[in-house]
């Protein structure tokens, strides 16, 4: 208030005439509307903290007659209130760097397998192993869907599709399951993947393209007799 009084006094001295009461009030309003006074006003957080402080001090007023357990409980309540106010003002802290991605939605991916393979290769060339692994597995699935060896449905998981592909390719059940695990690891668990994992899925994709599926109900056997020239026999 001393600053306000000084400013008003300086303005009065600067005027050639003494102001009347209405004029003095207008001068005071003009001075108090200056931004430097508003900057010093407490914000919403300051007012909330002051309210909590006053409430807490009111609870502890006369605490000499209150047991230590009650005082400790009041302290805990005060801390909880402060945390809640902090969350309301500053938001919930981000405990995880990455949110859980949306489901893979294999049924919504209508790209041709060669297109997906090119996307995987581009990601691998850039060192983006999570995307490269995910795209190459998608290419593998898309190729099997086109060959009518597996079907995708809403909510189909990588592991379910790998299990389904194990029926026409029983000898490759284990690599298929491993590929699904590596897909899930980069898609849902935030794993970084690596070149070796990508190479395994790419090799599996290539092998599936050049292998004739086993007849329904046939026992697992040697893949040699069912190898095809690339692009033939699908």
C-alpha atoms as a PDB file:
ATOM      1  CA  UNK A   1       0.000   0.000   0.000  1.00  0.00           C
ATOM      2  CA  UNK A   2       2.960   2.328   0.529  1.00  0.00           C
ATOM      3  CA  UNK A   3       3.780   1.989  -3.164  1.00  0.00           C
ATOM      4  CA  UNK A   4       0.197   2.864  -4.094  1.00  0.00           C
ATOM      5  CA  UNK A   5       0.177   5.887  -1.798  1.00  0.00           C
ATOM      6  CA  UNK A   6       3.518   7.084  -3.182  1.00  0.00           C
ATOM      7  CA  UNK A   7       2.298   6.717  -6.774  1.00  0.00           C
ATOM      8  CA  UNK A   8      -0.926   8.573  -6.046  1.00  0.00           C
ATOM      9  CA  UNK A   9       0.978  11.326  -4.248  1.00  0.00           C
ATOM     10  CA  UNK A  10       3.322  11.717  -7.206  1.00  0.00           C
ATOM     11  CA  UNK A  11       0.363  12.002  -9.568  1.00  0.00           C
ATOM     12  CA  UNK A  12      -1.236  14.614  -7.325  1.00  0.00           C
ATOM     13  CA  UNK A  13       1.984  16.634  -7.318  1.00  0.00           C
ATOM     14  CA  UNK A  14       2.157  16.383 -11.103  1.00  0.00           C
ATOM     15  CA  UNK A  15      -1.313  17.894 -11.519  1.00  0.00           C
ATOM     16  CA  UNK A  16      -1.579  21.678 -11.413  1.00  0.00           C
ATOM     17  CA  UNK A  17      -4.830  21.520  -9.443  1.00  0.00           C
ATOM     18  CA  UNK A  18      -5.823  19.607  -6.333  1.00  0.00           C
ATOM     19  CA  UNK A  19      -8.260  16.800  -7.292  1.00  0.00           C
ATOM     20  CA  UNK A  20     -11.641  16.549  -5.735  1.00  0.00           C
ATOM     21  CA  UNK A  21     -12.800  13.314  -4.104  1.00  0.00           C
ATOM     22  CA  UNK A  22     -14.199  11.654  -7.278  1.00  0.00           C
ATOM     23  CA  UNK A  23     -11.068  12.495  -9.227  1.00  0.00           C
ATOM     24  CA  UNK A  24      -8.855  11.111  -6.474  1.00  0.00           C
ATOM     25  CA  UNK A  25     -10.838   7.851  -6.474  1.00  0.00           C
ATOM     26  CA  UNK A  26     -10.427   7.536 -10.252  1.00  0.00           C
ATOM     27  CA  UNK A  27      -6.689   8.121  -9.928  1.00  0.00           C
ATOM     28  CA  UNK A  28      -6.495   5.426  -7.267  1.00  0.00           C
ATOM     29  CA  UNK A  29      -8.463   2.970  -9.448  1.00  0.00           C
ATOM     30  CA  UNK A  30      -6.186   3.668 -12.398  1.00  0.00           C
ATOM     31  CA  UNK A  31      -3.089   3.089 -10.321  1.00  0.00           C
ATOM     32  CA  UNK A  32      -4.373  -0.140  -8.761  1.00  0.00           C
ATOM     33  CA  UNK A  33      -5.243  -1.499 -12.211  1.00  0.00           C
ATOM     34  CA  UNK A  34      -1.551  -1.418 -13.119  1.00  0.00           C
ATOM     35  CA  UNK A  35      -0.206  -4.875 -14.072  1.00  0.00           C
ATOM     36  CA  UNK A  36       2.565  -4.767 -11.481  1.00  0.00           C
ATOM     37  CA  UNK A  37      -0.004  -4.938  -8.672  1.00  0.00           C
ATOM     38  CA  UNK A  38      -1.952  -7.826 -10.270  1.00  0.00           C
ATOM     39  CA  UNK A  39       1.282  -9.810 -10.674  1.00  0.00           C
ATOM     40  CA  UNK A  40       1.715  -9.829  -6.932  1.00  0.00           C
ATOM     41  CA  UNK A  41      -1.750 -11.174  -6.213  1.00  0.00           C
ATOM     42  CA  UNK A  42      -1.997 -14.798  -5.021  1.00  0.00           C
ATOM     43  CA  UNK A  43      -3.025 -17.296  -7.695  1.00  0.00           C
ATOM     44  CA  UNK A  44      -5.540 -20.134  -7.347  1.00  0.00           C
ATOM     45  CA  UNK A  45      -2.898 -22.534  -6.033  1.00  0.00           C
ATOM     46  CA  UNK A  46      -1.706 -20.027  -3.421  1.00  0.00           C
ATOM     47  CA  UNK A  47      -5.267 -19.492  -2.231  1.00  0.00           C
ATOM     48  CA  UNK A  48      -5.898 -23.237  -2.062  1.00  0.00           C
ATOM     49  CA  UNK A  49      -2.728 -23.801  -0.045  1.00  0.00           C
ATOM     50  CA  UNK A  50      -3.682 -20.987   2.307  1.00  0.00           C
ATOM     51  CA  UNK A  51      -7.142 -22.517   2.790  1.00  0.00           C
ATOM     52  CA  UNK A  52      -5.617 -25.924   3.570  1.00  0.00           C
ATOM     53  CA  UNK A  53      -3.164 -24.335   5.969  1.00  0.00           C
ATOM     54  CA  UNK A  54      -5.915 -22.469   7.783  1.00  0.00           C
ATOM     55  CA  UNK A  55      -8.049 -25.616   7.947  1.00  0.00           C
ATOM     56  CA  UNK A  56      -5.171 -27.694   9.262  1.00  0.00           C
ATOM     57  CA  UNK A  57      -4.190 -25.109  11.859  1.00  0.00           C
ATOM     58  CA  UNK A  58      -7.818 -24.974  12.957  1.00  0.00           C
ATOM     59  CA  UNK A  59      -7.832 -28.742  13.486  1.00  0.00           C
ATOM     60  CA  UNK A  60      -4.663 -28.553  15.537  1.00  0.00           C
ATOM     61  CA  UNK A  61      -5.879 -25.631  17.611  1.00  0.00           C
ATOM     62  CA  UNK A  62      -5.704 -26.833  21.178  1.00  0.00           C
ATOM     63  CA  UNK A  63      -3.954 -30.046  20.123  1.00  0.00           C
ATOM     64  CA  UNK A  64      -2.338 -30.236  23.548  1.00  0.00           C
ATOM     65  CA  UNK A  65      -5.398 -32.127  24.740  1.00  0.00           C
ATOM     66  CA  UNK A  66      -5.384 -34.432  21.679  1.00  0.00           C
ATOM     67  CA  UNK A  67      -3.581 -37.773  21.635  1.00  0.00           C
ATOM     68  CA  UNK A  68      -0.500 -38.327  19.500  1.00  0.00           C
ATOM     69  CA  UNK A  69      -2.403 -40.844  17.347  1.00  0.00           C
ATOM     70  CA  UNK A  70      -5.032 -38.263  16.429  1.00  0.00           C
ATOM     71  CA  UNK A  71      -2.371 -35.689  15.617  1.00  0.00           C
ATOM     72  CA  UNK A  72      -0.584 -38.222  13.381  1.00  0.00           C
ATOM     73  CA  UNK A  73      -3.871 -39.011  11.631  1.00  0.00           C
ATOM     74  CA  UNK A  74      -4.484 -35.327  11.022  1.00  0.00           C
ATOM     75  CA  UNK A  75      -0.999 -34.972   9.556  1.00  0.00           C
ATOM     76  CA  UNK A  76      -1.659 -37.870   7.175  1.00  0.00           C
ATOM     77  CA  UNK A  77      -4.984 -36.356   6.146  1.00  0.00           C
ATOM     78  CA  UNK A  78      -3.269 -33.046   5.505  1.00  0.00           C
ATOM     79  CA  UNK A  79      -0.661 -34.707   3.287  1.00  0.00           C
ATOM     80  CA  UNK A  80      -3.387 -36.511   1.325  1.00  0.00           C
ATOM     81  CA  UNK A  81      -5.252 -33.252   0.823  1.00  0.00           C
ATOM     82  CA  UNK A  82      -2.080 -31.608  -0.462  1.00  0.00           C
ATOM     83  CA  UNK A  83      -1.473 -34.479  -2.897  1.00  0.00           C
ATOM     84  CA  UNK A  84      -5.049 -34.278  -4.189  1.00  0.00           C
ATOM     85  CA  UNK A  85      -4.760 -30.536  -4.701  1.00  0.00           C
ATOM     86  CA  UNK A  86      -1.433 -31.017  -6.468  1.00  0.00           C
ATOM     87  CA  UNK A  87      -2.994 -33.552  -8.834  1.00  0.00           C
ATOM     88  CA  UNK A  88      -5.923 -31.232  -9.555  1.00  0.00           C
ATOM     89  CA  UNK A  89      -3.615 -28.313 -10.267  1.00  0.00           C
ATOM     90  CA  UNK A  90      -0.707 -29.993 -12.046  1.00  0.00           C
ATOM     91  CA  UNK A  91      -2.354 -33.146 -13.388  1.00  0.00           C
ATOM     92  CA  UNK A  92      -1.603 -36.815 -12.865  1.00  0.00           C
ATOM     93  CA  UNK A  93       2.121 -37.570 -13.114  1.00  0.00           C
ATOM     94  CA  UNK A  94       3.128 -39.757 -16.010  1.00  0.00           C
ATOM     95  CA  UNK A  95       4.362 -42.925 -14.356  1.00  0.00           C
ATOM     96  CA  UNK A  96       4.898 -44.662 -17.682  1.00  0.00           C
ATOM     97  CA  UNK A  97       6.601 -43.206 -20.698  1.00  0.00           C
ATOM     98  CA  UNK A  98       4.430 -45.127 -23.108  1.00  0.00           C
ATOM     99  CA  UNK A  99       0.765 -45.921 -23.024  1.00  0.00           C
ATOM    100  CA  UNK A 100      -0.493 -49.339 -23.903  1.00  0.00           C
ATOM    101  CA  UNK A 101      -0.988 -49.389 -27.670  1.00  0.00           C
ATOM    102  CA  UNK A 102      -4.293 -50.191 -29.284  1.00  0.00           C
ATOM    103  CA  UNK A 103      -4.970 -53.806 -30.308  1.00  0.00           C
ATOM    104  CA  UNK A 104      -3.098 -54.964 -33.388  1.00  0.00           C
ATOM    105  CA  UNK A 105      -6.298 -55.104 -35.519  1.00  0.00           C
ATOM    106  CA  UNK A 106      -4.951 -57.480 -38.150  1.00  0.00           C
ATOM    107  CA  UNK A 107      -8.376 -57.544 -39.815  1.00  0.00           C
ATOM    108  CA  UNK A 108      -8.194 -53.799 -40.526  1.00  0.00           C
ATOM    109  CA  UNK A 109      -4.826 -53.944 -42.277  1.00  0.00           C
ATOM    110  CA  UNK A 110      -5.720 -54.289 -45.968  1.00  0.00           C
ATOM    111  CA  UNK A 111      -2.240 -53.674 -47.376  1.00  0.00           C
ATOM    112  CA  UNK A 112      -0.767 -56.310 -49.655  1.00  0.00           C
ATOM    113  CA  UNK A 113       1.985 -58.430 -48.163  1.00  0.00           C
ATOM    114  CA  UNK A 114       4.677 -57.011 -50.506  1.00  0.00           C
ATOM    115  CA  UNK A 115       3.736 -53.489 -49.466  1.00  0.00           C
ATOM    116  CA  UNK A 116       4.029 -54.395 -45.795  1.00  0.00           C
ATOM    117  CA  UNK A 117       7.357 -56.118 -46.411  1.00  0.00           C
ATOM    118  CA  UNK A 118       8.713 -52.968 -48.028  1.00  0.00           C
ATOM    119  CA  UNK A 119       7.579 -50.965 -45.004  1.00  0.00           C
ATOM    120  CA  UNK A 120       9.341 -53.462 -42.750  1.00  0.00           C
ATOM    121  CA  UNK A 121      12.528 -53.255 -44.801  1.00  0.00           C
ATOM    122  CA  UNK A 122      12.469 -49.446 -44.681  1.00  0.00           C
ATOM    123  CA  UNK A 123      12.027 -49.509 -40.902  1.00  0.00           C
ATOM    124  CA  UNK A 124      14.882 -51.991 -40.557  1.00  0.00           C
ATOM    125  CA  UNK A 125      17.131 -49.838 -42.735  1.00  0.00           C
ATOM    126  CA  UNK A 126      16.423 -46.940 -40.380  1.00  0.00           C
ATOM    127  CA  UNK A 127      17.146 -49.035 -37.284  1.00  0.00           C
ATOM    128  CA  UNK A 128      13.531 -48.909 -36.101  1.00  0.00           C
ATOM    129  CA  UNK A 129      13.448 -52.532 -34.979  1.00  0.00           C
ATOM    130  CA  UNK A 130      10.083 -52.432 -33.173  1.00  0.00           C
ATOM    131  CA  UNK A 131       8.325 -51.193 -36.309  1.00  0.00           C
ATOM    132  CA  UNK A 132      10.337 -53.513 -38.558  1.00  0.00           C
ATOM    133  CA  UNK A 133       9.418 -56.570 -36.467  1.00  0.00           C
ATOM    134  CA  UNK A 134       5.769 -55.570 -36.263  1.00  0.00           C
ATOM    135  CA  UNK A 135       5.464 -54.921 -39.993  1.00  0.00           C
ATOM    136  CA  UNK A 136       7.228 -58.116 -41.044  1.00  0.00           C
ATOM    137  CA  UNK A 137       4.947 -60.183 -38.814  1.00  0.00           C
ATOM    138  CA  UNK A 138       1.957 -58.393 -40.327  1.00  0.00           C
ATOM    139  CA  UNK A 139       3.266 -59.275 -43.801  1.00  0.00           C
ATOM    140  CA  UNK A 140       3.566 -62.906 -42.729  1.00  0.00           C
ATOM    141  CA  UNK A 141      -0.034 -62.909 -41.488  1.00  0.00           C
ATOM    142  CA  UNK A 142      -1.344 -61.102 -44.552  1.00  0.00           C
ATOM    143  CA  UNK A 143       0.281 -63.623 -46.870  1.00  0.00           C
ATOM    144  CA  UNK A 144      -1.271 -66.536 -44.966  1.00  0.00           C
ATOM    145  CA  UNK A 145      -4.679 -64.850 -45.106  1.00  0.00           C
ATOM    146  CA  UNK A 146      -4.424 -64.397 -48.877  1.00  0.00           C
ATOM    147  CA  UNK A 147      -3.486 -68.083 -49.196  1.00  0.00           C
ATOM    148  CA  UNK A 148      -6.592 -68.868 -47.093  1.00  0.00           C
ATOM    149  CA  UNK A 149      -4.502 -70.730 -44.524  1.00  0.00           C
ATOM    150  CA  UNK A 150      -5.593 -68.573 -41.581  1.00  0.00           C
ATOM    151  CA  UNK A 151      -8.487 -66.235 -40.922  1.00  0.00           C
ATOM    152  CA  UNK A 152      -8.439 -63.036 -38.923  1.00  0.00           C
ATOM    153  CA  UNK A 153     -11.337 -61.821 -36.849  1.00  0.00           C
ATOM    154  CA  UNK A 154     -11.899 -58.747 -34.672  1.00  0.00           C
ATOM    155  CA  UNK A 155      -9.653 -59.193 -31.687  1.00  0.00           C
ATOM    156  CA  UNK A 156      -7.387 -61.794 -33.304  1.00  0.00           C
ATOM    157  CA  UNK A 157      -4.069 -61.909 -31.454  1.00  0.00           C
ATOM    158  CA  UNK A 158      -0.638 -62.630 -32.823  1.00  0.00           C
ATOM    159  CA  UNK A 159      -0.401 -65.812 -30.765  1.00  0.00           C
ATOM    160  CA  UNK A 160      -3.809 -67.065 -31.949  1.00  0.00           C
ATOM    161  CA  UNK A 161      -2.797 -66.496 -35.566  1.00  0.00           C
ATOM    162  CA  UNK A 162       0.528 -68.237 -34.995  1.00  0.00           C
ATOM    163  CA  UNK A 163      -1.279 -71.225 -33.484  1.00  0.00           C
ATOM    164  CA  UNK A 164      -3.664 -71.317 -36.448  1.00  0.00           C
ATOM    165  CA  UNK A 165      -0.730 -71.197 -38.883  1.00  0.00           C
ATOM    166  CA  UNK A 166       0.838 -74.119 -37.041  1.00  0.00           C
ATOM    167  CA  UNK A 167      -1.891 -76.426 -38.388  1.00  0.00           C
ATOM    168  CA  UNK A 168      -0.857 -76.217 -42.062  1.00  0.00           C
ATOM    169  CA  UNK A 169       2.816 -75.806 -41.071  1.00  0.00           C
ATOM    170  CA  UNK A 170       3.281 -78.103 -38.051  1.00  0.00           C
ATOM    171  CA  UNK A 171       7.052 -78.193 -38.474  1.00  0.00           C
ATOM    172  CA  UNK A 172       7.146 -74.409 -38.064  1.00  0.00           C
ATOM    173  CA  UNK A 173       4.907 -74.182 -34.992  1.00  0.00           C
ATOM    174  CA  UNK A 174       7.765 -73.260 -32.699  1.00  0.00           C
ATOM    175  CA  UNK A 175       9.195 -70.487 -34.918  1.00  0.00           C
ATOM    176  CA  UNK A 176       5.673 -69.148 -35.435  1.00  0.00           C
ATOM    177  CA  UNK A 177       5.047 -69.008 -31.684  1.00  0.00           C
ATOM    178  CA  UNK A 178       8.383 -67.276 -31.153  1.00  0.00           C
ATOM    179  CA  UNK A 179       7.592 -64.722 -33.865  1.00  0.00           C
ATOM    180  CA  UNK A 180       4.266 -63.965 -32.192  1.00  0.00           C
ATOM    181  CA  UNK A 181       6.031 -63.506 -28.863  1.00  0.00           C
ATOM    182  CA  UNK A 182       8.508 -61.073 -30.425  1.00  0.00           C
ATOM    183  CA  UNK A 183       5.654 -59.172 -32.068  1.00  0.00           C
ATOM    184  CA  UNK A 184       3.843 -58.844 -28.736  1.00  0.00           C
ATOM    185  CA  UNK A 185       7.060 -57.780 -27.011  1.00  0.00           C
ATOM    186  CA  UNK A 186       7.578 -54.744 -29.250  1.00  0.00           C
ATOM    187  CA  UNK A 187       3.892 -53.990 -29.727  1.00  0.00           C
ATOM    188  CA  UNK A 188       2.637 -54.192 -26.159  1.00  0.00           C
ATOM    189  CA  UNK A 189       5.592 -54.434 -23.774  1.00  0.00           C
ATOM    190  CA  UNK A 190       7.669 -51.574 -25.134  1.00  0.00           C
ATOM    191  CA  UNK A 191      10.662 -53.802 -25.923  1.00  0.00           C
ATOM    192  CA  UNK A 192      13.227 -52.401 -28.334  1.00  0.00           C
ATOM    193  CA  UNK A 193      13.675 -55.526 -30.447  1.00  0.00           C
ATOM    194  CA  UNK A 194      16.850 -56.037 -32.446  1.00  0.00           C
ATOM    195  CA  UNK A 195      18.211 -57.014 -35.822  1.00  0.00           C
ATOM    196  CA  UNK A 196      18.353 -60.687 -34.871  1.00  0.00           C
ATOM    197  CA  UNK A 197      14.651 -60.830 -34.009  1.00  0.00           C
ATOM    198  CA  UNK A 198      13.764 -59.098 -37.254  1.00  0.00           C
ATOM    199  CA  UNK A 199      15.983 -61.477 -39.232  1.00  0.00           C
ATOM    200  CA  UNK A 200      14.280 -64.498 -37.646  1.00  0.00           C
ATOM    201  CA  UNK A 201      10.799 -63.264 -38.571  1.00  0.00           C
ATOM    202  CA  UNK A 202      11.921 -62.309 -42.083  1.00  0.00           C
ATOM    203  CA  UNK A 203      13.457 -65.744 -42.592  1.00  0.00           C
ATOM    204  CA  UNK A 204      10.283 -67.400 -41.301  1.00  0.00           C
ATOM    205  CA  UNK A 205       8.161 -65.276 -43.628  1.00  0.00           C
ATOM    206  CA  UNK A 206      10.379 -66.274 -46.579  1.00  0.00           C
ATOM    207  CA  UNK A 207      10.180 -69.944 -45.622  1.00  0.00           C
ATOM    208  CA  UNK A 208       6.408 -69.889 -45.336  1.00  0.00           C
ATOM    209  CA  UNK A 209       6.148 -68.351 -48.804  1.00  0.00           C
ATOM    210  CA  UNK A 210       8.114 -71.200 -50.360  1.00  0.00           C
ATOM    211  CA  UNK A 211       6.556 -74.089 -48.454  1.00  0.00           C
ATOM    212  CA  UNK A 212       3.436 -75.999 -49.448  1.00  0.00           C
ATOM    213  CA  UNK A 213       1.043 -76.406 -46.502  1.00  0.00           C
ATOM    214  CA  UNK A 214       0.596 -79.898 -45.139  1.00  0.00           C
ATOM    215  CA  UNK A 215      -2.659 -81.695 -46.018  1.00  0.00           C
ATOM    216  CA  UNK A 216      -5.290 -81.470 -43.316  1.00  0.00           C
ATOM    217  CA  UNK A 217      -4.739 -84.208 -40.746  1.00  0.00           C
ATOM    218  CA  UNK A 218      -1.333 -85.196 -42.129  1.00  0.00           C
ATOM    219  CA  UNK A 219       1.430 -85.873 -39.548  1.00  0.00           C
ATOM    220  CA  UNK A 220       4.343 -83.504 -39.264  1.00  0.00           C
ATOM    221  CA  UNK A 221       7.155 -84.486 -41.576  1.00  0.00           C
ATOM    222  CA  UNK A 222      10.171 -83.239 -43.470  1.00  0.00           C
ATOM    223  CA  UNK A 223       9.663 -79.871 -45.148  1.00  0.00           C
ATOM    224  CA  UNK A 224      11.971 -80.783 -48.023  1.00  0.00           C
ATOM    225  CA  UNK A 225       9.273 -82.444 -50.094  1.00  0.00           C
ATOM    226  CA  UNK A 226       6.957 -79.484 -49.669  1.00  0.00           C
ATOM    227  CA  UNK A 227       9.355 -76.737 -50.705  1.00  0.00           C
ATOM    228  CA  UNK A 228       8.138 -74.642 -53.647  1.00  0.00           C
ATOM    229  CA  UNK A 229       9.660 -72.241 -56.062  1.00  0.00           C
ATOM    230  CA  UNK A 230       9.041 -68.727 -54.786  1.00  0.00           C
ATOM    231  CA  UNK A 231       5.561 -67.572 -55.765  1.00  0.00           C
ATOM    232  CA  UNK A 232       4.382 -70.982 -57.002  1.00  0.00           C
ATOM    233  CA  UNK A 233       1.853 -73.442 -55.685  1.00  0.00           C
ATOM    234  CA  UNK A 234      -0.145 -71.018 -53.556  1.00  0.00           C
END
